[in-house]
Amino acid sequence: MQVHITKTEHGFAVPIPEETLLSAGFKEGDVVNIYVRKGCLEVTDPSERRYDVEKMVAQITDENLPDYIDSGPPVGREIW
């Protein structure tokens, strides 16, 4: 579906059809977070915590790298 982005007094607006809005679990008046991820706009519920694995991994340093935990030898059919 294509829609036109329109300029408003305080920014821009993208019309979202009611069926699309409701199927995504949103309703009129909801507060949402808007992100740009891989060149796309992403609208999320602020009560749902989102993690960006790439950003989290990029924050790993030698200082905060956890110690290795030895869980012992295999006890089932797992392969080490």
N, C-alpha and C. Protein backbone atom coordinates (compact mmCIF):
# COMPACT_ATOMS: atom_id res chain seq x y z
N MET A 1 0.84 -1.17 0.00
CA MET A 1 0.00 0.00 0.00
C MET A 1 0.89 1.24 0.00
N GLN A 2 0.57 2.18 -0.81
CA GLN A 2 1.32 3.42 -0.84
C GLN A 2 0.46 4.55 -0.27
N VAL A 3 1.08 5.40 0.52
CA VAL A 3 0.43 6.59 1.06
C VAL A 3 1.37 7.76 0.86
N HIS A 4 0.86 8.95 0.97
CA HIS A 4 1.67 10.16 0.81
C HIS A 4 2.03 10.73 2.17
N ILE A 5 3.30 11.07 2.34
CA ILE A 5 3.74 11.77 3.55
C ILE A 5 3.35 13.23 3.39
N THR A 6 2.73 13.79 4.41
CA THR A 6 2.31 15.18 4.36
C THR A 6 2.98 15.99 5.46
N LYS A 7 3.23 17.25 5.17
CA LYS A 7 3.84 18.14 6.15
C LYS A 7 2.75 18.66 7.07
N THR A 8 3.05 18.67 8.37
CA THR A 8 2.13 19.23 9.36
C THR A 8 2.81 20.42 10.02
N GLU A 9 2.15 21.03 10.96
CA GLU A 9 2.71 22.18 11.65
C GLU A 9 3.99 21.83 12.42
N HIS A 10 4.06 20.62 12.96
CA HIS A 10 5.19 20.24 13.81
C HIS A 10 6.04 19.12 13.25
N GLY A 11 5.86 18.79 12.01
CA GLY A 11 6.65 17.70 11.42
C GLY A 11 5.97 17.14 10.20
N PHE A 12 5.89 15.82 10.15
CA PHE A 12 5.29 15.14 9.01
C PHE A 12 4.32 14.08 9.51
N ALA A 13 3.40 13.68 8.65
CA ALA A 13 2.41 12.67 9.02
C ALA A 13 2.32 11.62 7.92
N VAL A 14 2.13 10.38 8.34
CA VAL A 14 1.90 9.27 7.42
C VAL A 14 0.55 8.67 7.78
N PRO A 15 -0.42 8.73 6.87
CA PRO A 15 -1.72 8.16 7.21
C PRO A 15 -1.63 6.63 7.30
N ILE A 16 -2.20 6.09 8.36
CA ILE A 16 -2.20 4.64 8.57
C ILE A 16 -3.66 4.18 8.53
N PRO A 17 -4.00 3.29 7.60
CA PRO A 17 -5.37 2.81 7.55
C PRO A 17 -5.77 2.16 8.86
N GLU A 18 -7.03 2.32 9.25
CA GLU A 18 -7.51 1.81 10.54
C GLU A 18 -7.26 0.31 10.68
N GLU A 19 -7.52 -0.45 9.63
CA GLU A 19 -7.32 -1.90 9.70
C GLU A 19 -5.86 -2.24 10.00
N THR A 20 -4.94 -1.51 9.39
CA THR A 20 -3.51 -1.74 9.63
C THR A 20 -3.15 -1.38 11.06
N LEU A 21 -3.65 -0.26 11.52
CA LEU A 21 -3.38 0.20 12.88
C LEU A 21 -3.87 -0.82 13.91
N LEU A 22 -5.11 -1.27 13.74
CA LEU A 22 -5.69 -2.21 14.69
C LEU A 22 -5.01 -3.57 14.63
N SER A 23 -4.65 -4.03 13.44
CA SER A 23 -3.99 -5.34 13.33
C SER A 23 -2.61 -5.32 13.94
N ALA A 24 -2.00 -4.14 14.06
CA ALA A 24 -0.70 -4.02 14.72
C ALA A 24 -0.85 -3.85 16.23
N GLY A 25 -2.09 -3.79 16.71
CA GLY A 25 -2.33 -3.69 18.15
C GLY A 25 -2.36 -2.28 18.68
N PHE A 26 -2.49 -1.29 17.79
CA PHE A 26 -2.54 0.11 18.21
C PHE A 26 -3.94 0.66 18.03
N LYS A 27 -4.19 1.79 18.70
CA LYS A 27 -5.46 2.49 18.52
C LYS A 27 -5.18 3.99 18.54
N GLU A 28 -6.16 4.75 18.12
CA GLU A 28 -6.01 6.21 18.10
C GLU A 28 -5.68 6.72 19.50
N GLY A 29 -4.69 7.60 19.58
CA GLY A 29 -4.30 8.19 20.85
C GLY A 29 -3.15 7.47 21.54
N ASP A 30 -2.78 6.27 21.05
CA ASP A 30 -1.65 5.55 21.65
C ASP A 30 -0.34 6.33 21.47
N VAL A 31 0.53 6.23 22.45
CA VAL A 31 1.87 6.79 22.35
C VAL A 31 2.77 5.68 21.79
N VAL A 32 3.59 6.01 20.80
CA VAL A 32 4.45 5.01 20.17
C VAL A 32 5.88 5.54 20.08
N ASN A 33 6.82 4.63 19.94
CA ASN A 33 8.21 4.98 19.63
C ASN A 33 8.41 4.80 18.14
N ILE A 34 9.18 5.69 17.53
CA ILE A 34 9.50 5.59 16.11
C ILE A 34 11.01 5.52 15.97
N TYR A 35 11.49 4.49 15.28
CA TYR A 35 12.91 4.27 15.06
C TYR A 35 13.19 4.15 13.58
N VAL A 36 14.42 4.41 13.20
CA VAL A 36 14.88 4.07 11.86
C VAL A 36 15.80 2.89 12.04
N ARG A 37 15.45 1.77 11.40
CA ARG A 37 16.24 0.56 11.49
C ARG A 37 16.45 0.02 10.09
N LYS A 38 17.72 -0.03 9.69
CA LYS A 38 18.09 -0.53 8.36
C LYS A 38 17.32 0.21 7.26
N GLY A 39 17.20 1.52 7.42
CA GLY A 39 16.58 2.35 6.40
C GLY A 39 15.06 2.33 6.39
N CYS A 40 14.43 1.71 7.38
CA CYS A 40 12.97 1.63 7.45
C CYS A 40 12.48 2.26 8.75
N LEU A 41 11.30 2.86 8.70
CA LEU A 41 10.68 3.37 9.92
C LEU A 41 10.05 2.20 10.66
N GLU A 42 10.27 2.15 11.95
CA GLU A 42 9.70 1.10 12.78
C GLU A 42 8.92 1.77 13.90
N VAL A 43 7.67 1.39 14.05
CA VAL A 43 6.80 1.93 15.08
C VAL A 43 6.60 0.84 16.12
N THR A 44 6.92 1.15 17.38
CA THR A 44 6.81 0.14 18.43
C THR A 44 6.05 0.69 19.63
N ASP A 45 5.56 -0.22 20.42
CA ASP A 45 4.90 0.11 21.68
C ASP A 45 5.99 0.39 22.71
N PRO A 46 5.99 1.58 23.33
CA PRO A 46 7.06 1.90 24.29
C PRO A 46 7.07 1.00 25.51
N SER A 47 5.98 0.28 25.78
CA SER A 47 5.97 -0.61 26.94
C SER A 47 6.70 -1.92 26.64
N GLU A 48 6.94 -2.20 25.35
CA GLU A 48 7.69 -3.40 24.98
C GLU A 48 9.16 -3.03 24.83
N ARG A 49 9.99 -3.66 25.60
CA ARG A 49 11.41 -3.35 25.56
C ARG A 49 12.04 -4.01 24.34
N ARG A 50 12.74 -3.23 23.54
CA ARG A 50 13.37 -3.74 22.32
C ARG A 50 14.88 -3.70 22.50
N TYR A 51 15.54 -4.72 22.03
CA TYR A 51 16.98 -4.79 22.11
C TYR A 51 17.57 -4.82 20.71
N ASP A 52 18.65 -4.09 20.52
CA ASP A 52 19.38 -4.12 19.26
C ASP A 52 20.66 -4.92 19.52
N VAL A 53 20.68 -6.16 19.06
CA VAL A 53 21.79 -7.06 19.35
C VAL A 53 23.10 -6.49 18.84
N GLU A 54 23.09 -5.90 17.65
CA GLU A 54 24.32 -5.34 17.10
C GLU A 54 24.90 -4.26 18.00
N LYS A 55 24.04 -3.39 18.53
CA LYS A 55 24.50 -2.33 19.44
C LYS A 55 25.02 -2.93 20.75
N MET A 56 24.33 -3.96 21.24
CA MET A 56 24.75 -4.58 22.49
C MET A 56 26.11 -5.25 22.34
N VAL A 57 26.31 -5.97 21.26
CA VAL A 57 27.58 -6.65 21.02
C VAL A 57 28.70 -5.63 20.84
N ALA A 58 28.40 -4.51 20.19
CA ALA A 58 29.41 -3.47 19.98
C ALA A 58 29.89 -2.87 21.30
N GLN A 59 29.10 -3.00 22.37
CA GLN A 59 29.47 -2.44 23.67
C GLN A 59 30.32 -3.39 24.50
N ILE A 60 30.54 -4.61 24.01
CA ILE A 60 31.37 -5.57 24.75
C ILE A 60 32.83 -5.16 24.66
N THR A 61 33.48 -5.08 25.81
CA THR A 61 34.90 -4.76 25.86
C THR A 61 35.61 -5.82 26.70
N ASP A 62 36.93 -5.78 26.72
CA ASP A 62 37.68 -6.71 27.57
C ASP A 62 37.33 -6.50 29.04
N GLU A 63 36.98 -5.26 29.42
CA GLU A 63 36.67 -4.95 30.81
C GLU A 63 35.32 -5.51 31.26
N ASN A 64 34.34 -5.58 30.35
CA ASN A 64 33.02 -6.06 30.77
C ASN A 64 32.67 -7.43 30.20
N LEU A 65 33.63 -8.10 29.59
CA LEU A 65 33.42 -9.44 29.06
C LEU A 65 33.28 -10.42 30.23
N PRO A 66 32.20 -11.19 30.27
CA PRO A 66 32.03 -12.11 31.40
C PRO A 66 33.05 -13.24 31.37
N ASP A 67 33.33 -13.79 32.53
CA ASP A 67 34.25 -14.92 32.63
C ASP A 67 33.62 -16.15 32.00
N TYR A 68 34.47 -17.05 31.52
CA TYR A 68 34.02 -18.32 30.96
C TYR A 68 33.43 -19.18 32.07
N ILE A 69 32.32 -19.80 31.80
CA ILE A 69 31.70 -20.69 32.78
C ILE A 69 31.73 -22.10 32.22
N ASP A 70 32.40 -22.99 32.91
CA ASP A 70 32.49 -24.38 32.48
C ASP A 70 31.26 -25.11 32.98
N SER A 71 30.47 -25.61 32.05
CA SER A 71 29.25 -26.32 32.45
C SER A 71 29.46 -27.83 32.51
N GLY A 72 30.70 -28.26 32.38
CA GLY A 72 30.99 -29.69 32.50
C GLY A 72 30.88 -30.42 31.18
N PRO A 73 31.08 -31.71 31.22
CA PRO A 73 31.03 -32.50 29.99
C PRO A 73 29.59 -32.68 29.52
N PRO A 74 29.42 -33.07 28.25
CA PRO A 74 28.07 -33.31 27.75
C PRO A 74 27.37 -34.41 28.56
N VAL A 75 26.09 -34.25 28.80
CA VAL A 75 25.34 -35.25 29.58
C VAL A 75 24.21 -35.86 28.75
N GLY A 76 24.01 -35.36 27.56
CA GLY A 76 22.96 -35.88 26.69
C GLY A 76 23.51 -36.06 25.29
N ARG A 77 22.74 -35.61 24.32
CA ARG A 77 23.18 -35.76 22.94
C ARG A 77 23.76 -34.47 22.37
N GLU A 78 24.04 -33.45 23.24
CA GLU A 78 24.62 -32.21 22.73
C GLU A 78 26.02 -32.46 22.21
N ILE A 79 26.46 -31.60 21.31
CA ILE A 79 27.79 -31.71 20.71
C ILE A 79 28.59 -30.49 21.12
N TRP A 80 29.80 -30.69 21.63
CA TRP A 80 30.66 -29.59 22.03
C TRP A 80 31.72 -29.37 21.01
